[in-house]
Amino acid sequence: MDMRNNEGGTAPSASGRRGEPLRWWSPVLGWTWRFLTGLSMSMAEEDTLISVDYEIFGKVQGVFFRKYTQAEGKRLGLVGWVQNTDQGTVQGQLQGPISKVRHMQEWLEKKGSPKSHIERANFNNEKAILKLDYLDFQIVK
């Protein structure tokens, strides 16, 4: 494909040399294009509401994990719940826009409360929902 500039000459190539056709699908432009088109698709999907269940393993009880989880969920505008289990884990459910839920999943998997030590996080039963089932983010005792 020979792309000419408005003056009829050849535009500089990605290497900057005159006389070569402009390579519109250079690696840099290709990745930029993929990023931009992917970004616009994800913006449309950002409004999709999802629900996902989670269970967090490690030192997550007795370290204010539920309180910090509730605070982070509320900060992100999510709804759901969190509770301790008899097996020493923390479990719950998240609901909200997919981008916010993804952020919370990363927080649950990698950050948690300051004194917690997360070994692993399991997420399951993810599904798109039409409306939220909860009004806020609750700690279940």
N, C-alpha and C. Protein backbone atom coordinates (compact mmCIF):
# COMPACT_ATOMS: atom_id res chain seq x y z
N MET A 1 0.86 -1.16 0.00
CA MET A 1 0.00 0.00 0.00
C MET A 1 0.90 1.22 0.00
N ASP A 2 0.73 2.10 -0.96
CA ASP A 2 1.54 3.30 -1.09
C ASP A 2 0.72 4.50 -0.61
N MET A 3 1.08 5.02 0.55
CA MET A 3 0.34 6.15 1.10
C MET A 3 1.10 7.42 0.75
N ARG A 4 0.49 8.31 0.02
CA ARG A 4 1.12 9.56 -0.40
C ARG A 4 0.59 10.70 0.47
N ASN A 5 1.47 11.69 0.71
CA ASN A 5 1.00 12.84 1.48
C ASN A 5 0.23 13.77 0.55
N ASN A 6 -0.28 14.87 1.06
CA ASN A 6 -1.13 15.77 0.29
C ASN A 6 -0.41 16.42 -0.88
N GLU A 7 0.91 16.47 -0.83
CA GLU A 7 1.67 17.12 -1.90
C GLU A 7 2.06 16.13 -2.98
N GLY A 8 1.62 14.92 -2.90
CA GLY A 8 1.93 13.93 -3.92
C GLY A 8 3.21 13.17 -3.68
N GLY A 9 4.01 13.57 -2.67
CA GLY A 9 5.25 12.84 -2.37
C GLY A 9 4.94 11.69 -1.44
N THR A 10 5.97 10.94 -1.15
CA THR A 10 5.75 9.83 -0.24
C THR A 10 5.98 10.30 1.18
N ALA A 11 5.15 9.84 2.06
CA ALA A 11 5.30 10.19 3.47
C ALA A 11 6.49 9.44 4.04
N PRO A 12 7.11 9.96 5.09
CA PRO A 12 8.23 9.23 5.68
C PRO A 12 7.74 7.91 6.24
N SER A 13 8.59 6.90 6.15
CA SER A 13 8.22 5.59 6.70
C SER A 13 8.42 5.62 8.20
N ALA A 14 8.12 4.50 8.84
CA ALA A 14 8.31 4.40 10.29
C ALA A 14 9.78 4.61 10.63
N SER A 15 10.68 4.30 9.68
CA SER A 15 12.10 4.50 9.94
C SER A 15 12.51 5.95 9.77
N GLY A 16 11.61 6.79 9.22
CA GLY A 16 11.89 8.20 9.05
C GLY A 16 12.53 8.54 7.71
N ARG A 17 12.76 7.55 6.83
CA ARG A 17 13.37 7.82 5.53
C ARG A 17 12.31 8.22 4.53
N ARG A 18 12.60 9.26 3.76
CA ARG A 18 11.68 9.70 2.70
C ARG A 18 11.73 8.74 1.54
N GLY A 19 10.66 8.67 0.80
CA GLY A 19 10.64 7.86 -0.40
C GLY A 19 10.08 6.47 -0.18
N GLU A 20 9.83 6.10 1.07
CA GLU A 20 9.23 4.79 1.33
C GLU A 20 7.78 5.00 1.71
N PRO A 21 6.94 4.05 1.36
CA PRO A 21 5.54 4.19 1.78
C PRO A 21 5.43 4.18 3.31
N LEU A 22 4.46 4.90 3.81
CA LEU A 22 4.24 4.91 5.25
C LEU A 22 3.67 3.56 5.64
N ARG A 23 4.27 2.95 6.61
CA ARG A 23 3.81 1.63 7.06
C ARG A 23 2.77 1.84 8.15
N TRP A 24 1.52 1.80 7.78
CA TRP A 24 0.45 2.05 8.76
C TRP A 24 0.34 0.94 9.77
N TRP A 25 0.83 -0.24 9.45
CA TRP A 25 0.71 -1.35 10.39
C TRP A 25 2.08 -1.72 10.94
N SER A 26 2.79 -0.69 11.38
CA SER A 26 4.07 -0.95 12.04
C SER A 26 3.76 -1.58 13.40
N PRO A 27 4.74 -2.25 14.02
CA PRO A 27 4.47 -2.84 15.33
C PRO A 27 3.94 -1.83 16.34
N VAL A 28 4.51 -0.64 16.36
CA VAL A 28 4.06 0.37 17.33
C VAL A 28 2.63 0.79 17.02
N LEU A 29 2.36 1.14 15.76
CA LEU A 29 1.01 1.56 15.40
C LEU A 29 0.03 0.41 15.56
N GLY A 30 0.46 -0.80 15.24
CA GLY A 30 -0.42 -1.96 15.40
C GLY A 30 -0.85 -2.15 16.84
N TRP A 31 0.13 -2.10 17.74
CA TRP A 31 -0.20 -2.26 19.16
C TRP A 31 -1.04 -1.09 19.65
N THR A 32 -0.72 0.11 19.19
CA THR A 32 -1.51 1.28 19.58
C THR A 32 -2.94 1.12 19.10
N TRP A 33 -3.11 0.68 17.85
CA TRP A 33 -4.46 0.48 17.31
C TRP A 33 -5.21 -0.59 18.10
N ARG A 34 -4.54 -1.69 18.40
CA ARG A 34 -5.20 -2.75 19.17
C ARG A 34 -5.60 -2.24 20.54
N PHE A 35 -4.70 -1.46 21.16
CA PHE A 35 -5.01 -0.90 22.47
C PHE A 35 -6.21 0.03 22.40
N LEU A 36 -6.22 0.93 21.44
CA LEU A 36 -7.30 1.90 21.33
C LEU A 36 -8.63 1.23 21.00
N THR A 37 -8.62 0.28 20.09
CA THR A 37 -9.88 -0.38 19.77
C THR A 37 -10.33 -1.27 20.93
N GLY A 38 -9.40 -1.89 21.61
CA GLY A 38 -9.74 -2.69 22.79
C GLY A 38 -10.30 -1.81 23.90
N LEU A 39 -9.72 -0.62 24.04
CA LEU A 39 -10.18 0.32 25.05
C LEU A 39 -11.62 0.74 24.79
N SER A 40 -11.93 1.03 23.53
CA SER A 40 -13.29 1.47 23.25
C SER A 40 -14.29 0.33 23.45
N MET A 41 -13.89 -0.90 23.16
CA MET A 41 -14.79 -2.03 23.41
C MET A 41 -14.99 -2.22 24.90
N SER A 42 -13.91 -2.11 25.68
CA SER A 42 -14.06 -2.34 27.11
C SER A 42 -14.85 -1.21 27.77
N MET A 43 -14.81 0.00 27.20
CA MET A 43 -15.62 1.09 27.75
C MET A 43 -17.10 0.75 27.64
N ALA A 44 -17.49 0.13 26.53
CA ALA A 44 -18.89 -0.25 26.37
C ALA A 44 -19.25 -1.37 27.34
N GLU A 45 -18.30 -2.26 27.58
CA GLU A 45 -18.57 -3.38 28.48
C GLU A 45 -18.46 -2.99 29.95
N GLU A 46 -17.82 -1.85 30.24
CA GLU A 46 -17.62 -1.42 31.61
C GLU A 46 -18.93 -1.30 32.39
N ASP A 47 -20.01 -0.97 31.71
CA ASP A 47 -21.29 -0.78 32.38
C ASP A 47 -22.00 -2.10 32.68
N THR A 48 -21.51 -3.20 32.15
CA THR A 48 -22.12 -4.50 32.41
C THR A 48 -21.98 -4.84 33.88
N LEU A 49 -23.09 -5.18 34.51
CA LEU A 49 -23.07 -5.58 35.92
C LEU A 49 -22.77 -7.06 36.00
N ILE A 50 -21.89 -7.42 36.94
CA ILE A 50 -21.62 -8.84 37.17
C ILE A 50 -21.68 -9.14 38.65
N SER A 51 -21.82 -10.42 38.92
CA SER A 51 -21.79 -10.94 40.28
C SER A 51 -20.75 -12.05 40.31
N VAL A 52 -19.93 -12.09 41.35
CA VAL A 52 -18.93 -13.14 41.49
C VAL A 52 -18.77 -13.50 42.96
N ASP A 53 -18.68 -14.80 43.23
CA ASP A 53 -18.41 -15.29 44.57
C ASP A 53 -16.91 -15.43 44.76
N TYR A 54 -16.43 -15.30 45.99
CA TYR A 54 -15.00 -15.42 46.24
C TYR A 54 -14.74 -16.11 47.57
N GLU A 55 -13.56 -16.73 47.66
CA GLU A 55 -13.06 -17.28 48.92
C GLU A 55 -11.56 -17.00 48.96
N ILE A 56 -11.10 -16.45 50.08
CA ILE A 56 -9.71 -16.06 50.24
C ILE A 56 -9.07 -16.95 51.30
N PHE A 57 -7.90 -17.50 50.96
CA PHE A 57 -7.17 -18.41 51.82
C PHE A 57 -5.89 -17.76 52.31
N GLY A 58 -5.46 -18.15 53.52
CA GLY A 58 -4.24 -17.62 54.11
C GLY A 58 -4.52 -17.09 55.49
N LYS A 59 -3.69 -16.16 55.95
CA LYS A 59 -3.93 -15.52 57.25
C LYS A 59 -4.87 -14.35 56.99
N VAL A 60 -6.17 -14.65 57.03
CA VAL A 60 -7.18 -13.65 56.69
C VAL A 60 -8.23 -13.46 57.79
N GLN A 61 -8.08 -14.21 58.88
CA GLN A 61 -8.97 -14.00 60.02
C GLN A 61 -8.15 -13.42 61.18
N GLY A 62 -8.78 -12.51 61.92
CA GLY A 62 -8.10 -11.87 63.04
C GLY A 62 -7.15 -10.75 62.61
N VAL A 63 -7.28 -10.32 61.36
CA VAL A 63 -6.40 -9.26 60.83
C VAL A 63 -7.22 -8.14 60.16
N PHE A 64 -8.49 -8.03 60.56
CA PHE A 64 -9.40 -6.99 60.04
C PHE A 64 -9.65 -7.10 58.53
N PHE A 65 -9.52 -8.33 58.00
CA PHE A 65 -9.70 -8.53 56.57
C PHE A 65 -11.12 -8.16 56.12
N ARG A 66 -12.12 -8.56 56.90
CA ARG A 66 -13.51 -8.25 56.53
C ARG A 66 -13.75 -6.74 56.52
N LYS A 67 -13.25 -6.05 57.53
CA LYS A 67 -13.44 -4.59 57.62
C LYS A 67 -12.79 -3.88 56.43
N TYR A 68 -11.57 -4.28 56.09
CA TYR A 68 -10.88 -3.66 54.96
C TYR A 68 -11.55 -4.02 53.63
N THR A 69 -12.07 -5.23 53.55
CA THR A 69 -12.78 -5.66 52.33
C THR A 69 -14.04 -4.83 52.16
N GLN A 70 -14.79 -4.65 53.22
CA GLN A 70 -15.99 -3.83 53.16
C GLN A 70 -15.64 -2.40 52.74
N ALA A 71 -14.60 -1.83 53.33
CA ALA A 71 -14.21 -0.45 53.02
C ALA A 71 -13.79 -0.31 51.56
N GLU A 72 -13.01 -1.27 51.05
CA GLU A 72 -12.56 -1.21 49.65
C GLU A 72 -13.74 -1.40 48.71
N GLY A 73 -14.64 -2.32 49.05
CA GLY A 73 -15.84 -2.52 48.23
C GLY A 73 -16.68 -1.26 48.15
N LYS A 74 -16.88 -0.62 49.29
CA LYS A 74 -17.66 0.63 49.31
C LYS A 74 -16.95 1.74 48.54
N ARG A 75 -15.62 1.81 48.69
CA ARG A 75 -14.85 2.84 47.98
C ARG A 75 -15.01 2.69 46.47
N LEU A 76 -15.10 1.45 46.01
CA LEU A 76 -15.27 1.19 44.58
C LEU A 76 -16.72 1.29 44.12
N GLY A 77 -17.65 1.44 45.06
CA GLY A 77 -19.06 1.51 44.70
C GLY A 77 -19.69 0.15 44.45
N LEU A 78 -19.10 -0.89 45.02
CA LEU A 78 -19.64 -2.25 44.86
C LEU A 78 -20.60 -2.57 45.99
N VAL A 79 -21.41 -3.58 45.78
CA VAL A 79 -22.28 -4.11 46.82
C VAL A 79 -21.96 -5.59 46.98
N GLY A 80 -22.41 -6.13 48.12
CA GLY A 80 -22.18 -7.55 48.37
C GLY A 80 -22.01 -7.81 49.85
N TRP A 81 -21.24 -8.83 50.15
CA TRP A 81 -21.04 -9.20 51.55
C TRP A 81 -19.71 -9.93 51.72
N VAL A 82 -19.28 -10.02 52.97
CA VAL A 82 -18.05 -10.73 53.34
C VAL A 82 -18.27 -11.38 54.70
N GLN A 83 -17.73 -12.59 54.89
CA GLN A 83 -17.85 -13.27 56.18
C GLN A 83 -16.69 -14.22 56.39
N ASN A 84 -16.39 -14.50 57.67
CA ASN A 84 -15.43 -15.54 58.02
C ASN A 84 -16.10 -16.89 57.88
N THR A 85 -15.28 -17.93 57.61
CA THR A 85 -15.80 -19.30 57.57
C THR A 85 -15.20 -20.09 58.72
N ASP A 86 -15.79 -21.23 59.03
CA ASP A 86 -15.27 -22.11 60.07
C ASP A 86 -13.94 -22.75 59.65
N GLN A 87 -13.62 -22.70 58.36
CA GLN A 87 -12.38 -23.29 57.85
C GLN A 87 -11.21 -22.31 57.89
N GLY A 88 -11.41 -21.10 58.42
CA GLY A 88 -10.34 -20.12 58.53
C GLY A 88 -10.15 -19.25 57.29
N THR A 89 -11.09 -19.32 56.37
CA THR A 89 -11.03 -18.49 55.17
C THR A 89 -12.02 -17.34 55.30
N VAL A 90 -12.02 -16.48 54.30
CA VAL A 90 -13.02 -15.42 54.19
C VAL A 90 -13.72 -15.63 52.87
N GLN A 91 -15.05 -15.52 52.88
CA GLN A 91 -15.81 -15.69 51.64
C GLN A 91 -16.82 -14.58 51.49
N GLY A 92 -17.34 -14.44 50.28
CA GLY A 92 -18.35 -13.42 50.06
C GLY A 92 -18.78 -13.36 48.62
N GLN A 93 -19.45 -12.27 48.32
CA GLN A 93 -19.93 -12.04 46.96
C GLN A 93 -19.76 -10.56 46.62
N LEU A 94 -19.34 -10.30 45.38
CA LEU A 94 -19.19 -8.94 44.85
C LEU A 94 -20.20 -8.73 43.75
N GLN A 95 -20.77 -7.54 43.68
CA GLN A 95 -21.64 -7.17 42.56
C GLN A 95 -21.38 -5.72 42.18
N GLY A 96 -21.37 -5.47 40.87
CA GLY A 96 -21.18 -4.13 40.37
C GLY A 96 -20.68 -4.13 38.95
N PRO A 97 -20.26 -2.97 38.44
CA PRO A 97 -19.72 -2.88 37.09
C PRO A 97 -18.46 -3.74 36.95
N ILE A 98 -18.32 -4.38 35.82
CA ILE A 98 -17.24 -5.34 35.62
C ILE A 98 -15.86 -4.76 35.92
N SER A 99 -15.60 -3.52 35.52
CA SER A 99 -14.27 -2.95 35.75
C SER A 99 -13.98 -2.78 37.24
N LYS A 100 -14.99 -2.42 38.01
CA LYS A 100 -14.83 -2.25 39.46
C LYS A 100 -14.67 -3.60 40.15
N VAL A 101 -15.44 -4.59 39.69
CA VAL A 101 -15.32 -5.94 40.26
C VAL A 101 -13.92 -6.49 39.99
N ARG A 102 -13.39 -6.28 38.77
CA ARG A 102 -12.04 -6.75 38.44
C ARG A 102 -11.00 -6.10 39.35
N HIS A 103 -11.17 -4.81 39.63
CA HIS A 103 -10.25 -4.11 40.53
C HIS A 103 -10.32 -4.73 41.93
N MET A 104 -11.52 -5.02 42.39
CA MET A 104 -11.69 -5.60 43.72
C MET A 104 -11.11 -7.01 43.76
N GLN A 105 -11.27 -7.77 42.69
CA GLN A 105 -10.69 -9.12 42.66
C GLN A 105 -9.17 -9.05 42.81
N GLU A 106 -8.56 -8.11 42.13
CA GLU A 106 -7.11 -7.95 42.25
C GLU A 106 -6.73 -7.55 43.67
N TRP A 107 -7.50 -6.66 44.28
CA TRP A 107 -7.26 -6.24 45.65
C TRP A 107 -7.35 -7.44 46.60
N LEU A 108 -8.39 -8.27 46.42
CA LEU A 108 -8.57 -9.44 47.27
C LEU A 108 -7.44 -10.45 47.08
N GLU A 109 -6.94 -10.56 45.89
CA GLU A 109 -5.92 -11.55 45.57
C GLU A 109 -4.51 -11.11 45.99
N LYS A 110 -4.26 -9.78 45.93
CA LYS A 110 -2.89 -9.32 46.11
C LYS A 110 -2.65 -8.39 47.30
N LYS A 111 -3.68 -7.72 47.77
CA LYS A 111 -3.44 -6.72 48.81
C LYS A 111 -4.09 -7.11 50.14
N GLY A 112 -5.39 -7.04 50.22
CA GLY A 112 -6.07 -7.36 51.47
C GLY A 112 -5.78 -6.36 52.57
N SER A 113 -5.99 -6.76 53.80
CA SER A 113 -5.72 -5.87 54.94
C SER A 113 -4.22 -5.85 55.21
N PRO A 114 -3.75 -4.81 55.89
CA PRO A 114 -2.30 -4.67 56.11
C PRO A 114 -1.63 -5.87 56.79
N LYS A 115 -2.30 -6.51 57.72
CA LYS A 115 -1.69 -7.62 58.46
C LYS A 115 -2.04 -9.00 57.90
N SER A 116 -2.79 -9.03 56.81
CA SER A 116 -3.15 -10.32 56.23
C SER A 116 -2.01 -10.88 55.39
N HIS A 117 -2.06 -12.18 55.16
CA HIS A 117 -1.14 -12.85 54.24
C HIS A 117 -1.99 -13.75 53.36
N ILE A 118 -2.18 -13.35 52.12
CA ILE A 118 -3.06 -14.06 51.20
C ILE A 118 -2.28 -15.16 50.48
N GLU A 119 -2.73 -16.39 50.63
CA GLU A 119 -2.12 -17.52 49.92
C GLU A 119 -2.73 -17.68 48.54
N ARG A 120 -4.04 -17.60 48.47
CA ARG A 120 -4.72 -17.69 47.18
C ARG A 120 -6.15 -17.17 47.30
N ALA A 121 -6.71 -16.84 46.15
CA ALA A 121 -8.09 -16.36 46.08
C ALA A 121 -8.80 -17.16 45.01
N ASN A 122 -9.95 -17.69 45.34
CA ASN A 122 -10.78 -18.40 44.37
C ASN A 122 -11.99 -17.55 44.03
N PHE A 123 -12.28 -17.43 42.75
CA PHE A 123 -13.45 -16.71 42.27
C PHE A 123 -14.27 -17.67 41.43
N ASN A 124 -15.58 -17.73 41.70
CA ASN A 124 -16.43 -18.62 40.91
C ASN A 124 -17.84 -18.07 40.82
N ASN A 125 -18.65 -18.76 40.06
CA ASN A 125 -20.06 -18.39 39.82
C ASN A 125 -20.20 -16.99 39.25
N GLU A 126 -19.24 -16.59 38.42
CA GLU A 126 -19.35 -15.26 37.80
C GLU A 126 -20.46 -15.27 36.76
N LYS A 127 -21.29 -14.23 36.82
CA LYS A 127 -22.39 -14.13 35.85
C LYS A 127 -22.79 -12.67 35.67
N ALA A 128 -23.28 -12.38 34.49
CA ALA A 128 -23.84 -11.06 34.23
C ALA A 128 -25.20 -10.98 34.92
N ILE A 129 -25.50 -9.81 35.46
CA ILE A 129 -26.78 -9.60 36.13
C ILE A 129 -27.42 -8.32 35.59
N LEU A 130 -28.71 -8.24 35.69
CA LEU A 130 -29.43 -7.06 35.21
C LEU A 130 -29.56 -5.99 36.28
N LYS A 131 -29.60 -6.44 37.55
CA LYS A 131 -29.71 -5.47 38.65
C LYS A 131 -28.96 -6.01 39.86
N LEU A 132 -28.60 -5.11 40.74
CA LEU A 132 -27.89 -5.49 41.95
C LEU A 132 -28.84 -6.14 42.94
N ASP A 133 -28.36 -7.16 43.65
CA ASP A 133 -29.18 -7.86 44.65
C ASP A 133 -29.06 -7.26 46.04
N TYR A 134 -28.11 -6.35 46.25
CA TYR A 134 -27.87 -5.76 47.57
C TYR A 134 -27.88 -4.24 47.45
N LEU A 135 -28.06 -3.59 48.59
CA LEU A 135 -28.06 -2.12 48.63
C LEU A 135 -26.69 -1.56 48.99
N ASP A 136 -25.88 -2.35 49.70
CA ASP A 136 -24.56 -1.89 50.12
C ASP A 136 -23.64 -3.08 50.32
N PHE A 137 -22.50 -2.85 50.95
CA PHE A 137 -21.53 -3.92 51.20
C PHE A 137 -21.53 -4.21 52.69
N GLN A 138 -21.91 -5.43 53.05
CA GLN A 138 -22.12 -5.79 54.45
C GLN A 138 -21.09 -6.80 54.96
N ILE A 139 -20.76 -6.70 56.23
CA ILE A 139 -20.01 -7.74 56.93
C ILE A 139 -21.05 -8.66 57.57
N VAL A 140 -20.99 -9.93 57.23
CA VAL A 140 -21.91 -10.91 57.81
C VAL A 140 -21.18 -11.58 58.96
N LYS A 141 -21.84 -11.60 60.13
CA LYS A 141 -21.23 -12.20 61.33
C LYS A 141 -21.60 -13.66 61.46
